[in-house]
Structures are given as structure tokens and as C-alpha cells.
Amino acid sequence: MSRTLNRGREIFMFSIGKFLVLAGVLLVVLGLAVLLLEKVSWLHLGRLPGDIRFQHGHFSFYFPIVTCLVISVILTLLLSLFRR
């Protein structure tokens, strides 16, 4: 019985280890992407056409809906590649 528990624990720890390594690699890639995208002046992520901006006096409202859609599509494509 204890062998089965130890085997299950080993599989669980291996899975956690794989997840942490993948999360670390993803964070590094994301960090590099942010650094590289900062250098590109033509890419105005957060100020795309279709993002909602409203200013009236001292009140301002900003909702980057198109930016959210673009990021969602990119993340969906990346995650679908990692699943295969």
C-alpha cells in the first residue's frame, strides 16, 4: 500500500516540477517580449483603434477592448500550441 502512495507522490511531484519549469520559461519569454515590444514604436498596444476613451472635465474613462481582444487571441494561439 505504501508503495502505491509513494508512486502517486512521485508522479504528483514530477507534474508540479514540470508546471513550475513551464511557468518559469513562460515568464522569461513574456518578460523578453515586453522588453522587445517596448523598443518597437509603431506598436501601440493599449492605444489601438477601437479602444474606448472618454474624457469630460476631470473625469476620464478608458477601456482597451480591442487590446484585450488582441491579447486574448495571441494567448489562445500560444496555449493551443503548448497543449499539443
N, C-alpha and C. Protein backbone atom coordinates (compact mmCIF):
# COMPACT_ATOMS: atom_id res chain seq x y z
N MET A 1 0.83 -1.20 0.00
CA MET A 1 0.00 0.00 0.00
C MET A 1 0.86 1.25 0.00
N SER A 2 1.95 1.26 0.76
CA SER A 2 2.78 2.45 0.85
C SER A 2 3.54 2.68 -0.45
N ARG A 3 3.84 1.59 -1.19
CA ARG A 3 4.49 1.75 -2.49
C ARG A 3 3.60 2.51 -3.46
N THR A 4 2.33 2.22 -3.44
CA THR A 4 1.38 2.89 -4.32
C THR A 4 1.29 4.37 -3.96
N LEU A 5 1.30 4.68 -2.65
CA LEU A 5 1.26 6.08 -2.23
C LEU A 5 2.53 6.82 -2.63
N ASN A 6 3.68 6.14 -2.48
CA ASN A 6 4.94 6.78 -2.87
C ASN A 6 4.98 7.02 -4.37
N ARG A 7 4.49 6.08 -5.15
CA ARG A 7 4.47 6.24 -6.61
C ARG A 7 3.55 7.40 -7.01
N GLY A 8 2.40 7.51 -6.36
CA GLY A 8 1.50 8.62 -6.63
C GLY A 8 2.12 9.95 -6.27
N ARG A 9 2.85 9.98 -5.15
CA ARG A 9 3.52 11.21 -4.73
C ARG A 9 4.61 11.60 -5.73
N GLU A 10 5.35 10.59 -6.23
CA GLU A 10 6.40 10.87 -7.21
C GLU A 10 5.81 11.45 -8.49
N ILE A 11 4.72 10.89 -8.95
CA ILE A 11 4.06 11.40 -10.16
C ILE A 11 3.56 12.83 -9.92
N PHE A 12 2.98 13.07 -8.75
CA PHE A 12 2.48 14.41 -8.42
C PHE A 12 3.62 15.42 -8.38
N MET A 13 4.72 15.06 -7.74
CA MET A 13 5.85 15.99 -7.64
C MET A 13 6.46 16.25 -9.02
N PHE A 14 6.52 15.22 -9.85
CA PHE A 14 7.03 15.40 -11.21
C PHE A 14 6.14 16.36 -11.99
N SER A 15 4.83 16.22 -11.83
CA SER A 15 3.89 17.11 -12.52
C SER A 15 4.05 18.55 -12.03
N ILE A 16 4.19 18.72 -10.73
CA ILE A 16 4.40 20.07 -10.18
C ILE A 16 5.70 20.66 -10.70
N GLY A 17 6.74 19.84 -10.77
CA GLY A 17 8.03 20.30 -11.28
C GLY A 17 7.93 20.74 -12.73
N LYS A 18 7.25 19.95 -13.55
CA LYS A 18 7.07 20.32 -14.95
C LYS A 18 6.30 21.63 -15.07
N PHE A 19 5.26 21.78 -14.26
CA PHE A 19 4.46 23.00 -14.30
C PHE A 19 5.31 24.22 -13.92
N LEU A 20 6.12 24.10 -12.88
CA LEU A 20 6.95 25.22 -12.44
C LEU A 20 7.99 25.60 -13.48
N VAL A 21 8.59 24.61 -14.12
CA VAL A 21 9.56 24.90 -15.18
C VAL A 21 8.88 25.59 -16.35
N LEU A 22 7.72 25.09 -16.76
CA LEU A 22 6.98 25.71 -17.86
C LEU A 22 6.55 27.12 -17.51
N ALA A 23 6.09 27.33 -16.27
CA ALA A 23 5.69 28.68 -15.84
C ALA A 23 6.90 29.62 -15.84
N GLY A 24 8.05 29.13 -15.42
CA GLY A 24 9.26 29.94 -15.42
C GLY A 24 9.69 30.33 -16.83
N VAL A 25 9.66 29.36 -17.74
CA VAL A 25 10.01 29.65 -19.13
C VAL A 25 9.02 30.64 -19.73
N LEU A 26 7.75 30.46 -19.44
CA LEU A 26 6.73 31.37 -19.95
C LEU A 26 6.96 32.79 -19.41
N LEU A 27 7.31 32.92 -18.14
CA LEU A 27 7.58 34.24 -17.58
C LEU A 27 8.80 34.90 -18.23
N VAL A 28 9.84 34.11 -18.49
CA VAL A 28 11.03 34.65 -19.15
C VAL A 28 10.68 35.12 -20.56
N VAL A 29 9.94 34.30 -21.30
CA VAL A 29 9.55 34.68 -22.66
C VAL A 29 8.67 35.92 -22.64
N LEU A 30 7.74 35.97 -21.70
CA LEU A 30 6.87 37.14 -21.58
C LEU A 30 7.67 38.39 -21.22
N GLY A 31 8.63 38.26 -20.33
CA GLY A 31 9.48 39.38 -19.97
C GLY A 31 10.31 39.88 -21.14
N LEU A 32 10.87 38.95 -21.90
CA LEU A 32 11.64 39.35 -23.09
C LEU A 32 10.74 40.01 -24.12
N ALA A 33 9.54 39.50 -24.27
CA ALA A 33 8.60 40.11 -25.23
C ALA A 33 8.27 41.54 -24.83
N VAL A 34 8.06 41.77 -23.54
CA VAL A 34 7.76 43.12 -23.07
C VAL A 34 8.94 44.05 -23.32
N LEU A 35 10.15 43.56 -23.06
CA LEU A 35 11.33 44.38 -23.31
C LEU A 35 11.51 44.69 -24.79
N LEU A 36 11.27 43.71 -25.64
CA LEU A 36 11.43 43.94 -27.07
C LEU A 36 10.32 44.81 -27.65
N LEU A 37 9.10 44.61 -27.17
CA LEU A 37 7.98 45.40 -27.68
C LEU A 37 8.08 46.86 -27.25
N GLU A 38 8.79 47.10 -26.16
CA GLU A 38 9.00 48.48 -25.71
C GLU A 38 9.82 49.26 -26.73
N LYS A 39 10.70 48.56 -27.43
CA LYS A 39 11.58 49.21 -28.41
C LYS A 39 10.84 49.53 -29.71
N VAL A 40 9.77 48.80 -29.99
CA VAL A 40 9.03 48.99 -31.25
C VAL A 40 8.06 50.16 -31.07
N SER A 41 8.32 51.25 -31.80
CA SER A 41 7.50 52.45 -31.62
C SER A 41 6.17 52.38 -32.36
N TRP A 42 6.06 51.57 -33.42
CA TRP A 42 4.83 51.51 -34.19
C TRP A 42 3.76 50.66 -33.53
N LEU A 43 4.14 49.88 -32.56
CA LEU A 43 3.16 49.03 -31.87
C LEU A 43 2.63 49.78 -30.66
N HIS A 44 1.40 50.21 -30.73
CA HIS A 44 0.79 50.99 -29.65
C HIS A 44 -0.22 50.14 -28.91
N LEU A 45 0.26 49.06 -28.30
CA LEU A 45 -0.62 48.19 -27.55
C LEU A 45 -1.20 48.98 -26.39
N GLY A 46 -2.49 49.03 -26.29
CA GLY A 46 -3.16 49.84 -25.28
C GLY A 46 -3.74 51.11 -25.85
N ARG A 47 -3.37 51.43 -27.08
CA ARG A 47 -3.90 52.61 -27.75
C ARG A 47 -4.32 52.26 -29.17
N LEU A 48 -4.95 51.12 -29.33
CA LEU A 48 -5.38 50.67 -30.64
C LEU A 48 -6.70 51.32 -31.03
N PRO A 49 -6.96 51.41 -32.33
CA PRO A 49 -8.28 51.90 -32.75
C PRO A 49 -9.36 50.94 -32.25
N GLY A 50 -10.39 51.48 -31.68
CA GLY A 50 -11.46 50.65 -31.12
C GLY A 50 -11.42 50.62 -29.60
N ASP A 51 -10.30 51.01 -29.00
CA ASP A 51 -10.25 51.14 -27.55
C ASP A 51 -11.11 52.33 -27.15
N ILE A 52 -11.85 52.18 -26.10
CA ILE A 52 -12.81 53.20 -25.68
C ILE A 52 -12.13 54.21 -24.77
N ARG A 53 -12.19 55.48 -25.17
CA ARG A 53 -11.66 56.59 -24.37
C ARG A 53 -12.75 57.65 -24.23
N PHE A 54 -12.96 58.09 -23.01
CA PHE A 54 -13.95 59.14 -22.78
C PHE A 54 -13.40 60.09 -21.73
N GLN A 55 -13.35 61.38 -22.05
CA GLN A 55 -12.90 62.40 -21.11
C GLN A 55 -13.92 63.52 -21.08
N HIS A 56 -14.24 63.93 -19.86
CA HIS A 56 -15.16 65.04 -19.69
C HIS A 56 -14.77 65.75 -18.40
N GLY A 57 -14.17 66.89 -18.55
CA GLY A 57 -13.73 67.64 -17.38
C GLY A 57 -12.64 66.89 -16.62
N HIS A 58 -12.91 66.63 -15.34
CA HIS A 58 -11.94 65.91 -14.51
C HIS A 58 -12.16 64.40 -14.52
N PHE A 59 -13.14 63.96 -15.27
CA PHE A 59 -13.45 62.53 -15.33
C PHE A 59 -12.91 61.94 -16.63
N SER A 60 -12.24 60.81 -16.51
CA SER A 60 -11.79 60.10 -17.71
C SER A 60 -12.05 58.61 -17.53
N PHE A 61 -12.45 57.99 -18.62
CA PHE A 61 -12.73 56.56 -18.63
C PHE A 61 -12.00 55.95 -19.80
N TYR A 62 -11.30 54.85 -19.57
CA TYR A 62 -10.55 54.19 -20.62
C TYR A 62 -10.75 52.69 -20.49
N PHE A 63 -11.19 52.04 -21.58
CA PHE A 63 -11.34 50.59 -21.59
C PHE A 63 -10.73 50.07 -22.89
N PRO A 64 -9.59 49.37 -22.80
CA PRO A 64 -8.89 48.90 -24.01
C PRO A 64 -9.48 47.60 -24.54
N ILE A 65 -10.68 47.65 -25.09
CA ILE A 65 -11.39 46.44 -25.51
C ILE A 65 -10.68 45.74 -26.68
N VAL A 66 -10.21 46.49 -27.67
CA VAL A 66 -9.53 45.88 -28.81
C VAL A 66 -8.18 45.30 -28.37
N THR A 67 -7.49 45.99 -27.50
CA THR A 67 -6.23 45.47 -26.97
C THR A 67 -6.47 44.17 -26.23
N CYS A 68 -7.53 44.09 -25.45
CA CYS A 68 -7.86 42.85 -24.73
C CYS A 68 -8.15 41.72 -25.71
N LEU A 69 -8.86 42.02 -26.79
CA LEU A 69 -9.15 41.00 -27.80
C LEU A 69 -7.88 40.50 -28.49
N VAL A 70 -6.98 41.42 -28.82
CA VAL A 70 -5.72 41.03 -29.46
C VAL A 70 -4.89 40.15 -28.54
N ILE A 71 -4.77 40.54 -27.28
CA ILE A 71 -4.01 39.74 -26.32
C ILE A 71 -4.67 38.38 -26.12
N SER A 72 -5.98 38.34 -26.09
CA SER A 72 -6.70 37.07 -25.92
C SER A 72 -6.43 36.13 -27.08
N VAL A 73 -6.46 36.64 -28.30
CA VAL A 73 -6.20 35.80 -29.47
C VAL A 73 -4.77 35.27 -29.45
N ILE A 74 -3.82 36.13 -29.12
CA ILE A 74 -2.42 35.72 -29.08
C ILE A 74 -2.21 34.64 -28.01
N LEU A 75 -2.75 34.85 -26.82
CA LEU A 75 -2.61 33.86 -25.75
C LEU A 75 -3.30 32.55 -26.10
N THR A 76 -4.45 32.62 -26.75
CA THR A 76 -5.16 31.41 -27.16
C THR A 76 -4.32 30.60 -28.15
N LEU A 77 -3.71 31.28 -29.11
CA LEU A 77 -2.87 30.59 -30.07
C LEU A 77 -1.64 29.97 -29.41
N LEU A 78 -1.01 30.71 -28.51
CA LEU A 78 0.18 30.19 -27.82
C LEU A 78 -0.17 28.99 -26.94
N LEU A 79 -1.25 29.08 -26.20
CA LEU A 79 -1.62 27.98 -25.32
C LEU A 79 -2.06 26.75 -26.11
N SER A 80 -2.67 26.96 -27.27
CA SER A 80 -3.05 25.80 -28.08
C SER A 80 -1.82 25.12 -28.65
N LEU A 81 -0.75 25.87 -28.90
CA LEU A 81 0.50 25.25 -29.35
C LEU A 81 1.16 24.44 -28.24
N PHE A 82 1.09 24.94 -27.00
CA PHE A 82 1.71 24.23 -25.88
C PHE A 82 0.95 22.97 -25.51
N ARG A 83 -0.34 22.92 -25.80
CA ARG A 83 -1.14 21.74 -25.45
C ARG A 83 -0.83 20.55 -26.34
N ARG A 84 -0.34 20.78 -27.53
CA ARG A 84 -0.09 19.69 -28.48
C ARG A 84 1.18 18.98 -28.20
